[in-house]
Amino acid sequence: MNNSILTGLKSVGSGIATVGVAGAGIGIGLVFAAYIIAVGKNPEMESSLFPYTILGFALAEAIALFSLMMAFLILFA
């Protein structure tokens, strides 16, 4: 009985931990939307804005990876 309750609670906890992936998806969308708007307004700045866009993407993606790592730790540890 206790083992099945623990397994269920681990599943619920790992599901809650994956909510961070949705936030990272929104963040990535905002980063690229801002890049497209900025390049649309000032096309000659494209080469200097792109590295900052990739940096923002990498940082937002890192949040998603940390969130998934926590979910797997909760589920399998």
C-alpha atoms as a PDB file:
ATOM      1  CA  MET A   1       0.000   0.000   0.000  1.00  0.00           C
ATOM      2  CA  ASN A   2       2.698   2.512   0.974  1.00  0.00           C
ATOM      3  CA  ASN A   3       4.771   1.760  -2.119  1.00  0.00           C
ATOM      4  CA  SER A   4       1.870   2.509  -4.469  1.00  0.00           C
ATOM      5  CA  ILE A   5       1.141   5.801  -2.689  1.00  0.00           C
ATOM      6  CA  LEU A   6       4.810   6.802  -2.938  1.00  0.00           C
ATOM      7  CA  THR A   7       4.861   5.951  -6.648  1.00  0.00           C
ATOM      8  CA  GLY A   8       1.736   8.027  -7.244  1.00  0.00           C
ATOM      9  CA  LEU A   9       3.102  10.996  -5.349  1.00  0.00           C
ATOM     10  CA  LYS A  10       6.364  10.791  -7.280  1.00  0.00           C
ATOM     11  CA  SER A  11       4.393  10.912 -10.517  1.00  0.00           C
ATOM     12  CA  VAL A  12       2.430  13.937  -9.351  1.00  0.00           C
ATOM     13  CA  GLY A  13       5.590  15.696  -8.172  1.00  0.00           C
ATOM     14  CA  SER A  14       7.429  15.115 -11.415  1.00  0.00           C
ATOM     15  CA  GLY A  15       4.416  16.362 -13.371  1.00  0.00           C
ATOM     16  CA  ILE A  16       4.352  19.551 -11.322  1.00  0.00           C
ATOM     17  CA  ALA A  17       8.113  19.982 -11.827  1.00  0.00           C
ATOM     18  CA  THR A  18       7.691  20.008 -15.597  1.00  0.00           C
ATOM     19  CA  VAL A  19       5.653  23.221 -15.448  1.00  0.00           C
ATOM     20  CA  GLY A  20       8.959  25.066 -15.856  1.00  0.00           C
ATOM     21  CA  VAL A  21       9.186  23.763 -19.423  1.00  0.00           C
ATOM     22  CA  ALA A  22       6.117  25.807 -20.361  1.00  0.00           C
ATOM     23  CA  GLY A  23       7.716  28.927 -18.931  1.00  0.00           C
ATOM     24  CA  ALA A  24      10.888  28.269 -20.882  1.00  0.00           C
ATOM     25  CA  GLY A  25       8.862  27.875 -24.069  1.00  0.00           C
ATOM     26  CA  ILE A  26       7.232  31.245 -23.476  1.00  0.00           C
ATOM     27  CA  GLY A  27      10.634  32.787 -22.781  1.00  0.00           C
ATOM     28  CA  ILE A  28      12.134  31.409 -25.989  1.00  0.00           C
ATOM     29  CA  GLY A  29       9.175  32.735 -27.949  1.00  0.00           C
ATOM     30  CA  LEU A  30       9.610  36.190 -26.429  1.00  0.00           C
ATOM     31  CA  VAL A  31      13.343  36.228 -27.190  1.00  0.00           C
ATOM     32  CA  PHE A  32      12.851  35.459 -30.869  1.00  0.00           C
ATOM     33  CA  ALA A  33       9.812  37.750 -31.153  1.00  0.00           C
ATOM     34  CA  ALA A  34      11.874  40.641 -29.808  1.00  0.00           C
ATOM     35  CA  TYR A  35      14.673  39.786 -32.238  1.00  0.00           C
ATOM     36  CA  ILE A  36      12.313  39.777 -35.227  1.00  0.00           C
ATOM     37  CA  ILE A  37      10.780  43.100 -34.169  1.00  0.00           C
ATOM     38  CA  ALA A  38      14.209  44.671 -33.642  1.00  0.00           C
ATOM     39  CA  VAL A  39      15.511  43.508 -37.012  1.00  0.00           C
ATOM     40  CA  GLY A  40      12.315  44.668 -38.677  1.00  0.00           C
ATOM     41  CA  LYS A  41      12.789  48.161 -37.264  1.00  0.00           C
ATOM     42  CA  ASN A  42      16.556  48.355 -37.831  1.00  0.00           C
ATOM     43  CA  PRO A  43      17.832  45.775 -40.354  1.00  0.00           C
ATOM     44  CA  GLU A  44      21.474  46.880 -40.261  1.00  0.00           C
ATOM     45  CA  MET A  45      21.710  45.820 -36.588  1.00  0.00           C
ATOM     46  CA  GLU A  46      20.970  42.175 -37.399  1.00  0.00           C
ATOM     47  CA  SER A  47      24.573  40.970 -37.124  1.00  0.00           C
ATOM     48  CA  SER A  48      25.084  42.590 -33.712  1.00  0.00           C
ATOM     49  CA  LEU A  49      21.722  41.463 -32.279  1.00  0.00           C
ATOM     50  CA  PHE A  50      21.940  37.806 -33.270  1.00  0.00           C
ATOM     51  CA  PRO A  51      24.557  36.779 -30.623  1.00  0.00           C
ATOM     52  CA  TYR A  52      22.379  38.283 -27.890  1.00  0.00           C
ATOM     53  CA  THR A  53      19.406  36.368 -29.266  1.00  0.00           C
ATOM     54  CA  ILE A  54      21.295  33.077 -29.127  1.00  0.00           C
ATOM     55  CA  LEU A  55      22.452  33.867 -25.588  1.00  0.00           C
ATOM     56  CA  GLY A  56      18.860  34.533 -24.503  1.00  0.00           C
ATOM     57  CA  PHE A  57      17.735  31.312 -26.166  1.00  0.00           C
ATOM     58  CA  ALA A  58      20.462  29.308 -24.402  1.00  0.00           C
ATOM     59  CA  LEU A  59      19.597  30.744 -20.994  1.00  0.00           C
ATOM     60  CA  ALA A  60      15.878  30.091 -21.442  1.00  0.00           C
ATOM     61  CA  GLU A  61      16.586  26.564 -22.676  1.00  0.00           C
ATOM     62  CA  ALA A  62      18.787  25.942 -19.626  1.00  0.00           C
ATOM     63  CA  ILE A  63      15.781  26.609 -17.393  1.00  0.00           C
ATOM     64  CA  ALA A  64      13.835  23.938 -19.276  1.00  0.00           C
ATOM     65  CA  LEU A  65      16.677  21.441 -18.905  1.00  0.00           C
ATOM     66  CA  PHE A  66      16.953  22.125 -15.172  1.00  0.00           C
ATOM     67  CA  SER A  67      13.214  21.647 -14.826  1.00  0.00           C
ATOM     68  CA  LEU A  68      13.322  18.306 -16.641  1.00  0.00           C
ATOM     69  CA  MET A  69      16.315  17.230 -14.568  1.00  0.00           C
ATOM     70  CA  MET A  70      14.373  17.911 -11.377  1.00  0.00           C
ATOM     71  CA  ALA A  71      11.380  15.998 -12.701  1.00  0.00           C
ATOM     72  CA  PHE A  72      13.541  12.961 -13.497  1.00  0.00           C
ATOM     73  CA  LEU A  73      15.242  13.157 -10.108  1.00  0.00           C
ATOM     74  CA  ILE A  74      11.883  13.187  -8.365  1.00  0.00           C
ATOM     75  CA  LEU A  75      10.555  10.346 -10.497  1.00  0.00           C
ATOM     76  CA  PHE A  76      13.529   7.972 -10.466  1.00  0.00           C
ATOM     77  CA  ALA A  77      15.436   8.783  -7.264  1.00  0.00           C
END
